[in-house]
């Protein structure tokens, strides 16, 4: 009977993993939409500046090192009005402020500022996407734990299912910890700022030599296969790298949150041992971890620290 109960518990957990994988796909599509919005904003503005100032040799620093005109300021206002800053965090507002100051120097800086603003908008929305996903996962995981623990533990769950930090006397949600949120938020902003600098450098490289329509087309060319990426030549590919890293960040931080929820809840409810449940197509490392189980609660590997980014494996109470 115990074996059957454990098998049912494992099947239930695999269904939960599949639910999370489906949510990952949805988050990926949302991240990809934000990337494409930013790419479109950059493309449209580059084309506008090209049509306004290019001559027979293309668009070069000769044209863009001039002081900004009324038309240029109109482009900046159009760019600003195209983004929704309602949910921006302090870092986004700070970065946008820097670009606003930069935009008034000359046309070259104006182009750089519009590129930077597009990246800031993309990053601020990706940050909100991650935060919303973690908040949703927190709530759904509590419901999952309530259902699963009642099914195969010997007793009903009497302790409220809440996150409780070992060193604190009050319950506190992992999602509200500033230090935890800063870990992924800071990394997201670091990735985006490096990418913005690379995109601006690529555009200015072409401006120095005179950017023609072919140069612009090459910069905006996307490649589906990451092995074909040319981030040093295609700003689309360079931006896509950040899109991919954001998707990995969503999944990794979701897995971290869920593992913390599981382990804290198990500890609060007297679970002493856990069994490792692998995600579909698990890697050799995770399969080896599963084969070496079950584990005591204290010795169980953590996710993703002891596994890898993108890990969707999980742990369930082991009934013996």
C-alpha atoms as a PDB file:
ATOM      1  CA  UNK A   1       0.000   0.000   0.000  1.00  0.00           C
ATOM      2  CA  UNK A   2       2.854   2.345   0.860  1.00  0.00           C
ATOM      3  CA  UNK A   3       4.533   1.592  -2.488  1.00  0.00           C
ATOM      4  CA  UNK A   4       1.333   2.395  -4.326  1.00  0.00           C
ATOM      5  CA  UNK A   5       0.903   5.597  -2.325  1.00  0.00           C
ATOM      6  CA  UNK A   6       4.442   6.664  -3.199  1.00  0.00           C
ATOM      7  CA  UNK A   7       3.846   5.908  -6.860  1.00  0.00           C
ATOM      8  CA  UNK A   8       0.675   8.007  -6.844  1.00  0.00           C
ATOM      9  CA  UNK A   9       2.544  10.832  -5.151  1.00  0.00           C
ATOM     10  CA  UNK A  10       5.277  10.662  -7.765  1.00  0.00           C
ATOM     11  CA  UNK A  11       2.726  10.708 -10.589  1.00  0.00           C
ATOM     12  CA  UNK A  12       1.024  13.731  -9.050  1.00  0.00           C
ATOM     13  CA  UNK A  13       4.340  15.540  -8.783  1.00  0.00           C
ATOM     14  CA  UNK A  14       5.183  14.794 -12.402  1.00  0.00           C
ATOM     15  CA  UNK A  15       1.860  16.328 -13.392  1.00  0.00           C
ATOM     16  CA  UNK A  16       2.778  19.407 -11.365  1.00  0.00           C
ATOM     17  CA  UNK A  17       6.145  19.583 -13.132  1.00  0.00           C
ATOM     18  CA  UNK A  18       4.379  19.443 -16.488  1.00  0.00           C
ATOM     19  CA  UNK A  19       2.088  22.280 -15.382  1.00  0.00           C
ATOM     20  CA  UNK A  20       5.131  24.389 -14.537  1.00  0.00           C
ATOM     21  CA  UNK A  21       6.777  23.524 -17.861  1.00  0.00           C
ATOM     22  CA  UNK A  22       3.633  24.717 -19.644  1.00  0.00           C
ATOM     23  CA  UNK A  23       3.815  27.965 -17.678  1.00  0.00           C
ATOM     24  CA  UNK A  24       7.457  28.248 -18.689  1.00  0.00           C
ATOM     25  CA  UNK A  25       6.426  28.136 -22.340  1.00  0.00           C
ATOM     26  CA  UNK A  26       3.888  30.880 -21.730  1.00  0.00           C
ATOM     27  CA  UNK A  27       6.496  33.016 -19.956  1.00  0.00           C
ATOM     28  CA  UNK A  28       8.887  32.414 -22.849  1.00  0.00           C
ATOM     29  CA  UNK A  29       6.328  33.706 -25.351  1.00  0.00           C
ATOM     30  CA  UNK A  30       5.710  36.791 -23.192  1.00  0.00           C
ATOM     31  CA  UNK A  31       9.440  37.469 -22.938  1.00  0.00           C
ATOM     32  CA  UNK A  32       9.822  37.021 -26.678  1.00  0.00           C
ATOM     33  CA  UNK A  33       7.022  39.539 -27.283  1.00  0.00           C
ATOM     34  CA  UNK A  34       8.846  42.133 -25.167  1.00  0.00           C
ATOM     35  CA  UNK A  35      12.060  41.494 -27.084  1.00  0.00           C
ATOM     36  CA  UNK A  36      10.285  42.010 -30.406  1.00  0.00           C
ATOM     37  CA  UNK A  37       8.670  45.221 -29.209  1.00  0.00           C
ATOM     38  CA  UNK A  38      12.089  46.604 -28.306  1.00  0.00           C
ATOM     39  CA  UNK A  39      13.592  45.461 -31.603  1.00  0.00           C
ATOM     40  CA  UNK A  40      10.737  47.109 -33.524  1.00  0.00           C
ATOM     41  CA  UNK A  41      11.194  50.370 -31.634  1.00  0.00           C
ATOM     42  CA  UNK A  42      14.912  50.435 -32.444  1.00  0.00           C
ATOM     43  CA  UNK A  43      14.380  49.441 -36.078  1.00  0.00           C
ATOM     44  CA  UNK A  44      11.670  52.024 -36.704  1.00  0.00           C
ATOM     45  CA  UNK A  45      13.704  54.856 -35.197  1.00  0.00           C
ATOM     46  CA  UNK A  46      16.872  53.911 -37.074  1.00  0.00           C
ATOM     47  CA  UNK A  47      14.891  53.904 -40.290  1.00  0.00           C
ATOM     48  CA  UNK A  48      13.373  57.292 -39.450  1.00  0.00           C
ATOM     49  CA  UNK A  49      16.794  58.847 -38.831  1.00  0.00           C
ATOM     50  CA  UNK A  50      18.120  57.237 -41.998  1.00  0.00           C
ATOM     51  CA  UNK A  51      15.289  58.592 -44.141  1.00  0.00           C
ATOM     52  CA  UNK A  52      15.663  62.051 -42.587  1.00  0.00           C
ATOM     53  CA  UNK A  53      19.440  62.511 -42.785  1.00  0.00           C
ATOM     54  CA  UNK A  54      21.121  59.925 -45.049  1.00  0.00           C
ATOM     55  CA  UNK A  55      22.731  61.032 -48.304  1.00  0.00           C
ATOM     56  CA  UNK A  56      24.062  59.022 -51.225  1.00  0.00           C
ATOM     57  CA  UNK A  57      26.761  57.472 -49.017  1.00  0.00           C
ATOM     58  CA  UNK A  58      24.299  56.500 -46.294  1.00  0.00           C
ATOM     59  CA  UNK A  59      24.021  57.755 -42.737  1.00  0.00           C
ATOM     60  CA  UNK A  60      27.301  58.688 -41.077  1.00  0.00           C
ATOM     61  CA  UNK A  61      28.736  60.645 -38.171  1.00  0.00           C
ATOM     62  CA  UNK A  62      28.936  63.636 -40.499  1.00  0.00           C
ATOM     63  CA  UNK A  63      25.153  63.859 -40.312  1.00  0.00           C
ATOM     64  CA  UNK A  64      24.661  62.634 -36.739  1.00  0.00           C
ATOM     65  CA  UNK A  65      27.248  64.767 -34.937  1.00  0.00           C
ATOM     66  CA  UNK A  66      25.165  67.877 -35.503  1.00  0.00           C
ATOM     67  CA  UNK A  67      23.151  69.482 -32.707  1.00  0.00           C
ATOM     68  CA  UNK A  68      19.642  68.141 -32.281  1.00  0.00           C
ATOM     69  CA  UNK A  69      16.830  69.839 -34.193  1.00  0.00           C
ATOM     70  CA  UNK A  70      13.135  70.159 -33.582  1.00  0.00           C
ATOM     71  CA  UNK A  71      12.588  67.039 -35.662  1.00  0.00           C
ATOM     72  CA  UNK A  72      15.061  65.105 -33.477  1.00  0.00           C
ATOM     73  CA  UNK A  73      13.311  66.206 -30.281  1.00  0.00           C
ATOM     74  CA  UNK A  74      10.023  65.167 -31.797  1.00  0.00           C
ATOM     75  CA  UNK A  75      11.501  61.693 -32.352  1.00  0.00           C
ATOM     76  CA  UNK A  76      12.577  61.552 -28.724  1.00  0.00           C
ATOM     77  CA  UNK A  77       9.145  62.592 -27.482  1.00  0.00           C
ATOM     78  CA  UNK A  78       7.556  59.969 -29.723  1.00  0.00           C
ATOM     79  CA  UNK A  79       9.869  57.330 -28.271  1.00  0.00           C
ATOM     80  CA  UNK A  80       9.091  58.375 -24.698  1.00  0.00           C
ATOM     81  CA  UNK A  81       5.352  58.406 -25.358  1.00  0.00           C
ATOM     82  CA  UNK A  82       5.516  54.901 -26.832  1.00  0.00           C
ATOM     83  CA  UNK A  83       6.547  53.297 -23.522  1.00  0.00           C
ATOM     84  CA  UNK A  84       4.433  52.776 -20.415  1.00  0.00           C
ATOM     85  CA  UNK A  85       6.419  53.703 -17.297  1.00  0.00           C
ATOM     86  CA  UNK A  86       3.625  52.996 -14.798  1.00  0.00           C
ATOM     87  CA  UNK A  87       5.227  49.839 -13.363  1.00  0.00           C
ATOM     88  CA  UNK A  88       8.870  50.814 -13.737  1.00  0.00           C
ATOM     89  CA  UNK A  89      11.149  50.296 -10.749  1.00  0.00           C
ATOM     90  CA  UNK A  90      13.670  52.870  -9.525  1.00  0.00           C
ATOM     91  CA  UNK A  91      16.474  51.432 -11.656  1.00  0.00           C
ATOM     92  CA  UNK A  92      14.407  51.799 -14.830  1.00  0.00           C
ATOM     93  CA  UNK A  93      13.553  55.407 -14.008  1.00  0.00           C
ATOM     94  CA  UNK A  94      17.199  56.152 -13.244  1.00  0.00           C
ATOM     95  CA  UNK A  95      18.387  54.661 -16.541  1.00  0.00           C
ATOM     96  CA  UNK A  96      15.696  56.507 -18.496  1.00  0.00           C
ATOM     97  CA  UNK A  97      16.736  59.759 -16.831  1.00  0.00           C
ATOM     98  CA  UNK A  98      20.319  59.266 -17.967  1.00  0.00           C
ATOM     99  CA  UNK A  99      19.192  58.660 -21.524  1.00  0.00           C
ATOM    100  CA  UNK A 100      16.954  61.711 -21.445  1.00  0.00           C
ATOM    101  CA  UNK A 101      19.955  63.858 -20.530  1.00  0.00           C
ATOM    102  CA  UNK A 102      22.111  62.146 -23.174  1.00  0.00           C
ATOM    103  CA  UNK A 103      19.526  62.670 -25.913  1.00  0.00           C
ATOM    104  CA  UNK A 104      20.055  66.429 -25.999  1.00  0.00           C
ATOM    105  CA  UNK A 105      23.776  66.355 -26.816  1.00  0.00           C
ATOM    106  CA  UNK A 106      23.654  65.625 -30.545  1.00  0.00           C
ATOM    107  CA  UNK A 107      21.977  63.271 -33.014  1.00  0.00           C
ATOM    108  CA  UNK A 108      24.433  60.450 -32.335  1.00  0.00           C
ATOM    109  CA  UNK A 109      23.585  60.585 -28.650  1.00  0.00           C
ATOM    110  CA  UNK A 110      19.916  60.907 -29.541  1.00  0.00           C
ATOM    111  CA  UNK A 111      20.059  57.614 -31.468  1.00  0.00           C
ATOM    112  CA  UNK A 112      21.938  55.959 -28.601  1.00  0.00           C
ATOM    113  CA  UNK A 113      19.377  57.286 -26.114  1.00  0.00           C
ATOM    114  CA  UNK A 114      16.433  55.900 -28.072  1.00  0.00           C
ATOM    115  CA  UNK A 115      18.166  52.518 -28.257  1.00  0.00           C
ATOM    116  CA  UNK A 116      18.791  52.685 -24.522  1.00  0.00           C
ATOM    117  CA  UNK A 117      15.184  53.654 -23.794  1.00  0.00           C
ATOM    118  CA  UNK A 118      13.914  50.684 -25.803  1.00  0.00           C
ATOM    119  CA  UNK A 119      16.173  48.380 -23.767  1.00  0.00           C
ATOM    120  CA  UNK A 120      15.098  49.958 -20.467  1.00  0.00           C
ATOM    121  CA  UNK A 121      11.441  49.458 -21.376  1.00  0.00           C
ATOM    122  CA  UNK A 122      12.076  45.842 -22.361  1.00  0.00           C
ATOM    123  CA  UNK A 123      13.980  45.148 -19.135  1.00  0.00           C
ATOM    124  CA  UNK A 124      11.459  46.863 -16.860  1.00  0.00           C
ATOM    125  CA  UNK A 125       8.663  44.808 -18.388  1.00  0.00           C
ATOM    126  CA  UNK A 126      10.705  41.610 -18.187  1.00  0.00           C
ATOM    127  CA  UNK A 127      11.339  42.341 -14.521  1.00  0.00           C
ATOM    128  CA  UNK A 128       7.595  42.707 -13.981  1.00  0.00           C
ATOM    129  CA  UNK A 129       7.039  39.484 -15.908  1.00  0.00           C
ATOM    130  CA  UNK A 130       9.393  37.600 -13.576  1.00  0.00           C
ATOM    131  CA  UNK A 131       7.844  39.132 -10.476  1.00  0.00           C
ATOM    132  CA  UNK A 132       4.307  38.294 -11.625  1.00  0.00           C
ATOM    133  CA  UNK A 133       5.328  34.737 -12.485  1.00  0.00           C
ATOM    134  CA  UNK A 134       6.924  34.150  -9.096  1.00  0.00           C
ATOM    135  CA  UNK A 135       3.905  35.572  -7.305  1.00  0.00           C
ATOM    136  CA  UNK A 136       1.593  33.241  -9.260  1.00  0.00           C
ATOM    137  CA  UNK A 137       3.862  30.249  -8.649  1.00  0.00           C
ATOM    138  CA  UNK A 138       3.913  30.985  -4.942  1.00  0.00           C
ATOM    139  CA  UNK A 139       0.128  30.834  -4.707  1.00  0.00           C
ATOM    140  CA  UNK A 140      -0.275  27.770  -6.930  1.00  0.00           C
ATOM    141  CA  UNK A 141       2.460  25.875  -5.095  1.00  0.00           C
ATOM    142  CA  UNK A 142       0.745  26.389  -1.741  1.00  0.00           C
ATOM    143  CA  UNK A 143      -2.435  24.903  -3.227  1.00  0.00           C
ATOM    144  CA  UNK A 144      -0.432  22.007  -4.672  1.00  0.00           C
ATOM    145  CA  UNK A 145       1.226  21.312  -1.338  1.00  0.00           C
ATOM    146  CA  UNK A 146      -2.083  21.342   0.501  1.00  0.00           C
ATOM    147  CA  UNK A 147      -3.504  18.766  -1.895  1.00  0.00           C
ATOM    148  CA  UNK A 148      -0.452  16.521  -2.149  1.00  0.00           C
ATOM    149  CA  UNK A 149       0.409  16.376   1.549  1.00  0.00           C
ATOM    150  CA  UNK A 150      -3.124  15.364   2.481  1.00  0.00           C
ATOM    151  CA  UNK A 151      -3.018  12.533  -0.050  1.00  0.00           C
ATOM    152  CA  UNK A 152      -0.008  10.602   1.141  1.00  0.00           C
ATOM    153  CA  UNK A 153       1.047  11.704   4.627  1.00  0.00           C
ATOM    154  CA  UNK A 154      -0.303   9.717   7.557  1.00  0.00           C
ATOM    155  CA  UNK A 155      -2.060  12.753   8.986  1.00  0.00           C
ATOM    156  CA  UNK A 156      -3.938  15.785   7.755  1.00  0.00           C
ATOM    157  CA  UNK A 157      -1.908  18.952   7.480  1.00  0.00           C
ATOM    158  CA  UNK A 158      -2.591  20.862  10.674  1.00  0.00           C
ATOM    159  CA  UNK A 159       0.131  23.482  10.430  1.00  0.00           C
ATOM    160  CA  UNK A 160      -0.751  26.452   8.186  1.00  0.00           C
ATOM    161  CA  UNK A 161       1.121  26.236   4.915  1.00  0.00           C
ATOM    162  CA  UNK A 162       3.264  29.342   5.128  1.00  0.00           C
ATOM    163  CA  UNK A 163       6.891  30.210   4.458  1.00  0.00           C
ATOM    164  CA  UNK A 164       8.757  30.597   7.721  1.00  0.00           C
ATOM    165  CA  UNK A 165      12.408  31.553   7.829  1.00  0.00           C
ATOM    166  CA  UNK A 166      14.328  29.463  10.400  1.00  0.00           C
ATOM    167  CA  UNK A 167      15.809  32.527  12.126  1.00  0.00           C
ATOM    168  CA  UNK A 168      12.527  34.467  12.298  1.00  0.00           C
ATOM    169  CA  UNK A 169       9.540  34.076  14.590  1.00  0.00           C
ATOM    170  CA  UNK A 170       7.113  35.453  12.062  1.00  0.00           C
ATOM    171  CA  UNK A 171       6.094  33.931   8.750  1.00  0.00           C
ATOM    172  CA  UNK A 172       7.447  35.674   5.715  1.00  0.00           C
ATOM    173  CA  UNK A 173       7.048  34.987   2.017  1.00  0.00           C
ATOM    174  CA  UNK A 174      10.142  34.263  -0.019  1.00  0.00           C
ATOM    175  CA  UNK A 175       8.844  36.550  -2.750  1.00  0.00           C
ATOM    176  CA  UNK A 176       8.856  39.597  -0.461  1.00  0.00           C
ATOM    177  CA  UNK A 177      12.443  39.215   0.697  1.00  0.00           C
ATOM    178  CA  UNK A 178      14.322  42.173  -0.740  1.00  0.00           C
ATOM    179  CA  UNK A 179      17.648  40.330  -0.725  1.00  0.00           C
ATOM    180  CA  UNK A 180      16.215  37.434  -2.749  1.00  0.00           C
ATOM    181  CA  UNK A 181      14.517  39.702  -5.263  1.00  0.00           C
ATOM    182  CA  UNK A 182      17.674  41.766  -5.665  1.00  0.00           C
ATOM    183  CA  UNK A 183      19.644  38.707  -6.758  1.00  0.00           C
ATOM    184  CA  UNK A 184      17.719  38.180  -9.968  1.00  0.00           C
ATOM    185  CA  UNK A 185      16.727  41.823 -10.484  1.00  0.00           C
ATOM    186  CA  UNK A 186      20.321  43.032 -10.373  1.00  0.00           C
ATOM    187  CA  UNK A 187      21.405  40.301 -12.758  1.00  0.00           C
ATOM    188  CA  UNK A 188      18.630  41.202 -15.180  1.00  0.00           C
ATOM    189  CA  UNK A 189      19.659  44.868 -15.222  1.00  0.00           C
ATOM    190  CA  UNK A 190      23.325  43.972 -15.586  1.00  0.00           C
ATOM    191  CA  UNK A 191      22.583  41.781 -18.604  1.00  0.00           C
ATOM    192  CA  UNK A 192      20.444  44.461 -20.235  1.00  0.00           C
ATOM    193  CA  UNK A 193      22.921  47.299 -19.693  1.00  0.00           C
ATOM    194  CA  UNK A 194      25.728  45.253 -21.209  1.00  0.00           C
ATOM    195  CA  UNK A 195      23.483  44.459 -24.150  1.00  0.00           C
ATOM    196  CA  UNK A 196      22.460  48.118 -24.607  1.00  0.00           C
ATOM    197  CA  UNK A 197      26.119  49.144 -24.687  1.00  0.00           C
ATOM    198  CA  UNK A 198      26.889  46.465 -27.282  1.00  0.00           C
ATOM    199  CA  UNK A 199      23.954  47.492 -29.509  1.00  0.00           C
ATOM    200  CA  UNK A 200      24.892  51.171 -29.295  1.00  0.00           C
ATOM    201  CA  UNK A 201      28.523  50.310 -30.121  1.00  0.00           C
ATOM    202  CA  UNK A 202      27.438  48.272 -33.145  1.00  0.00           C
ATOM    203  CA  UNK A 203      25.285  51.098 -34.514  1.00  0.00           C
ATOM    204  CA  UNK A 204      28.046  53.662 -33.971  1.00  0.00           C
ATOM    205  CA  UNK A 205      30.548  51.376 -35.669  1.00  0.00           C
ATOM    206  CA  UNK A 206      28.446  51.478 -38.825  1.00  0.00           C
ATOM    207  CA  UNK A 207      27.908  55.224 -38.515  1.00  0.00           C
ATOM    208  CA  UNK A 208      31.669  55.785 -38.441  1.00  0.00           C
ATOM    209  CA  UNK A 209      32.005  54.102 -41.822  1.00  0.00           C
ATOM    210  CA  UNK A 210      28.708  55.294 -43.241  1.00  0.00           C
ATOM    211  CA  UNK A 211      25.682  53.076 -42.631  1.00  0.00           C
ATOM    212  CA  UNK A 212      23.792  52.076 -45.744  1.00  0.00           C
ATOM    213  CA  UNK A 213      20.546  50.123 -46.057  1.00  0.00           C
ATOM    214  CA  UNK A 214      22.393  46.796 -46.298  1.00  0.00           C
ATOM    215  CA  UNK A 215      24.233  47.518 -43.055  1.00  0.00           C
ATOM    216  CA  UNK A 216      20.931  48.268 -41.386  1.00  0.00           C
ATOM    217  CA  UNK A 217      19.375  45.100 -42.746  1.00  0.00           C
ATOM    218  CA  UNK A 218      22.328  43.005 -41.520  1.00  0.00           C
ATOM    219  CA  UNK A 219      22.097  44.547 -38.048  1.00  0.00           C
ATOM    220  CA  UNK A 220      18.396  43.732 -37.825  1.00  0.00           C
ATOM    221  CA  UNK A 221      18.660  40.166 -39.173  1.00  0.00           C
ATOM    222  CA  UNK A 222      17.468  37.530 -36.718  1.00  0.00           C
ATOM    223  CA  UNK A 223      18.656  33.935 -36.538  1.00  0.00           C
ATOM    224  CA  UNK A 224      16.423  31.227 -35.086  1.00  0.00           C
ATOM    225  CA  UNK A 225      19.245  28.842 -34.200  1.00  0.00           C
ATOM    226  CA  UNK A 226      21.428  30.233 -31.386  1.00  0.00           C
ATOM    227  CA  UNK A 227      24.419  28.458 -32.952  1.00  0.00           C
ATOM    228  CA  UNK A 228      24.074  30.843 -35.885  1.00  0.00           C
ATOM    229  CA  UNK A 229      23.948  33.970 -33.715  1.00  0.00           C
ATOM    230  CA  UNK A 230      26.232  36.837 -34.709  1.00  0.00           C
ATOM    231  CA  UNK A 231      25.945  39.197 -31.731  1.00  0.00           C
ATOM    232  CA  UNK A 232      28.900  41.226 -32.962  1.00  0.00           C
ATOM    233  CA  UNK A 233      27.115  41.966 -36.253  1.00  0.00           C
ATOM    234  CA  UNK A 234      23.395  41.590 -35.540  1.00  0.00           C
ATOM    235  CA  UNK A 235      21.805  43.710 -32.829  1.00  0.00           C
ATOM    236  CA  UNK A 236      18.757  41.423 -33.115  1.00  0.00           C
ATOM    237  CA  UNK A 237      20.894  38.444 -32.133  1.00  0.00           C
ATOM    238  CA  UNK A 238      22.546  40.384 -29.313  1.00  0.00           C
ATOM    239  CA  UNK A 239      19.146  41.379 -27.932  1.00  0.00           C
ATOM    240  CA  UNK A 240      17.876  37.821 -28.326  1.00  0.00           C
ATOM    241  CA  UNK A 241      20.664  36.642 -26.034  1.00  0.00           C
ATOM    242  CA  UNK A 242      19.150  38.744 -23.254  1.00  0.00           C
ATOM    243  CA  UNK A 243      15.716  37.367 -24.115  1.00  0.00           C
ATOM    244  CA  UNK A 244      17.061  33.833 -23.670  1.00  0.00           C
ATOM    245  CA  UNK A 245      18.814  34.723 -20.423  1.00  0.00           C
ATOM    246  CA  UNK A 246      15.552  36.206 -19.121  1.00  0.00           C
ATOM    247  CA  UNK A 247      13.684  33.027 -19.968  1.00  0.00           C
ATOM    248  CA  UNK A 248      16.317  31.031 -18.098  1.00  0.00           C
ATOM    249  CA  UNK A 249      16.068  33.453 -15.181  1.00  0.00           C
ATOM    250  CA  UNK A 250      12.275  33.066 -14.979  1.00  0.00           C
ATOM    251  CA  UNK A 251      12.483  29.299 -14.866  1.00  0.00           C
ATOM    252  CA  UNK A 252      15.453  29.167 -12.496  1.00  0.00           C
ATOM    253  CA  UNK A 253      14.006  31.607  -9.963  1.00  0.00           C
ATOM    254  CA  UNK A 254      10.620  29.893 -10.136  1.00  0.00           C
ATOM    255  CA  UNK A 255      12.326  26.577  -9.383  1.00  0.00           C
ATOM    256  CA  UNK A 256      14.239  28.159  -6.502  1.00  0.00           C
ATOM    257  CA  UNK A 257      11.050  29.600  -5.013  1.00  0.00           C
ATOM    258  CA  UNK A 258       9.173  26.311  -5.307  1.00  0.00           C
ATOM    259  CA  UNK A 259      12.029  24.329  -3.766  1.00  0.00           C
ATOM    260  CA  UNK A 260      12.142  26.767  -0.830  1.00  0.00           C
ATOM    261  CA  UNK A 261       8.370  26.439  -0.444  1.00  0.00           C
ATOM    262  CA  UNK A 262       8.532  22.652  -0.526  1.00  0.00           C
ATOM    263  CA  UNK A 263      11.395  22.247   1.903  1.00  0.00           C
ATOM    264  CA  UNK A 264      10.085  24.821   4.395  1.00  0.00           C
ATOM    265  CA  UNK A 265       6.608  23.292   4.315  1.00  0.00           C
ATOM    266  CA  UNK A 266       7.967  19.753   4.700  1.00  0.00           C
ATOM    267  CA  UNK A 267      10.026  20.834   7.693  1.00  0.00           C
ATOM    268  CA  UNK A 268       7.035  22.532   9.316  1.00  0.00           C
ATOM    269  CA  UNK A 269       4.920  19.418   8.821  1.00  0.00           C
ATOM    270  CA  UNK A 270       7.332  16.825  10.170  1.00  0.00           C
ATOM    271  CA  UNK A 271       8.578  15.294   6.897  1.00  0.00           C
ATOM    272  CA  UNK A 272      11.920  13.609   7.591  1.00  0.00           C
ATOM    273  CA  UNK A 273      12.836  12.158   4.183  1.00  0.00           C
ATOM    274  CA  UNK A 274      12.219  13.146   0.563  1.00  0.00           C
ATOM    275  CA  UNK A 275      12.279  11.442  -2.814  1.00  0.00           C
ATOM    276  CA  UNK A 276      13.672  13.131  -5.921  1.00  0.00           C
ATOM    277  CA  UNK A 277      11.291  13.423  -8.889  1.00  0.00           C
ATOM    278  CA  UNK A 278      12.896  14.187 -12.248  1.00  0.00           C
ATOM    279  CA  UNK A 279      11.493  16.395 -14.962  1.00  0.00           C
ATOM    280  CA  UNK A 280      10.880  14.913 -18.437  1.00  0.00           C
ATOM    281  CA  UNK A 281      14.179  14.296 -20.218  1.00  0.00           C
ATOM    282  CA  UNK A 282      16.205  14.984 -17.082  1.00  0.00           C
ATOM    283  CA  UNK A 283      19.968  15.386 -17.495  1.00  0.00           C
ATOM    284  CA  UNK A 284      22.461  12.786 -16.255  1.00  0.00           C
ATOM    285  CA  UNK A 285      23.264  14.851 -13.179  1.00  0.00           C
ATOM    286  CA  UNK A 286      19.653  15.035 -12.033  1.00  0.00           C
ATOM    287  CA  UNK A 287      19.020  11.393 -12.892  1.00  0.00           C
ATOM    288  CA  UNK A 288      22.006  10.420 -10.743  1.00  0.00           C
ATOM    289  CA  UNK A 289      20.619  12.516  -7.884  1.00  0.00           C
ATOM    290  CA  UNK A 290      17.320  10.655  -8.186  1.00  0.00           C
ATOM    291  CA  UNK A 291      19.044   7.266  -8.239  1.00  0.00           C
ATOM    292  CA  UNK A 292      20.942   8.052  -5.042  1.00  0.00           C
ATOM    293  CA  UNK A 293      17.783   8.922  -3.080  1.00  0.00           C
ATOM    294  CA  UNK A 294      15.779   9.010  -0.940  1.00  0.00           C
ATOM    295  CA  UNK A 295      17.392  11.731   1.165  1.00  0.00           C
ATOM    296  CA  UNK A 296      16.970  13.062   4.642  1.00  0.00           C
ATOM    297  CA  UNK A 297      15.469  16.512   4.592  1.00  0.00           C
ATOM    298  CA  UNK A 298      18.756  18.053   5.721  1.00  0.00           C
ATOM    299  CA  UNK A 299      20.909  16.270   3.119  1.00  0.00           C
ATOM    300  CA  UNK A 300      18.632  16.636   0.100  1.00  0.00           C
ATOM    301  CA  UNK A 301      20.213  18.560  -2.813  1.00  0.00           C
ATOM    302  CA  UNK A 302      18.724  22.003  -3.371  1.00  0.00           C
ATOM    303  CA  UNK A 303      17.265  23.308  -6.616  1.00  0.00           C
ATOM    304  CA  UNK A 304      18.829  24.930  -8.587  1.00  0.00           C
ATOM    305  CA  UNK A 305      22.013  25.392  -6.502  1.00  0.00           C
ATOM    306  CA  UNK A 306      22.942  21.697  -6.515  1.00  0.00           C
ATOM    307  CA  UNK A 307      21.523  20.971  -9.960  1.00  0.00           C
ATOM    308  CA  UNK A 308      21.638  23.577 -12.731  1.00  0.00           C
ATOM    309  CA  UNK A 309      19.794  26.622 -14.135  1.00  0.00           C
ATOM    310  CA  UNK A 310      16.482  25.704 -15.791  1.00  0.00           C
ATOM    311  CA  UNK A 311      16.067  22.641 -13.544  1.00  0.00           C
ATOM    312  CA  UNK A 312      12.456  21.555 -13.095  1.00  0.00           C
ATOM    313  CA  UNK A 313      13.035  18.514 -10.907  1.00  0.00           C
ATOM    314  CA  UNK A 314      11.279  18.393  -7.561  1.00  0.00           C
ATOM    315  CA  UNK A 315      11.162  16.634  -4.187  1.00  0.00           C
ATOM    316  CA  UNK A 316       8.253  14.920  -2.448  1.00  0.00           C
ATOM    317  CA  UNK A 317       7.939  13.359   1.021  1.00  0.00           C
ATOM    318  CA  UNK A 318       9.200   9.777   1.114  1.00  0.00           C
ATOM    319  CA  UNK A 319       6.835   7.435   2.920  1.00  0.00           C
ATOM    320  CA  UNK A 320       8.601   4.433   4.475  1.00  0.00           C
END
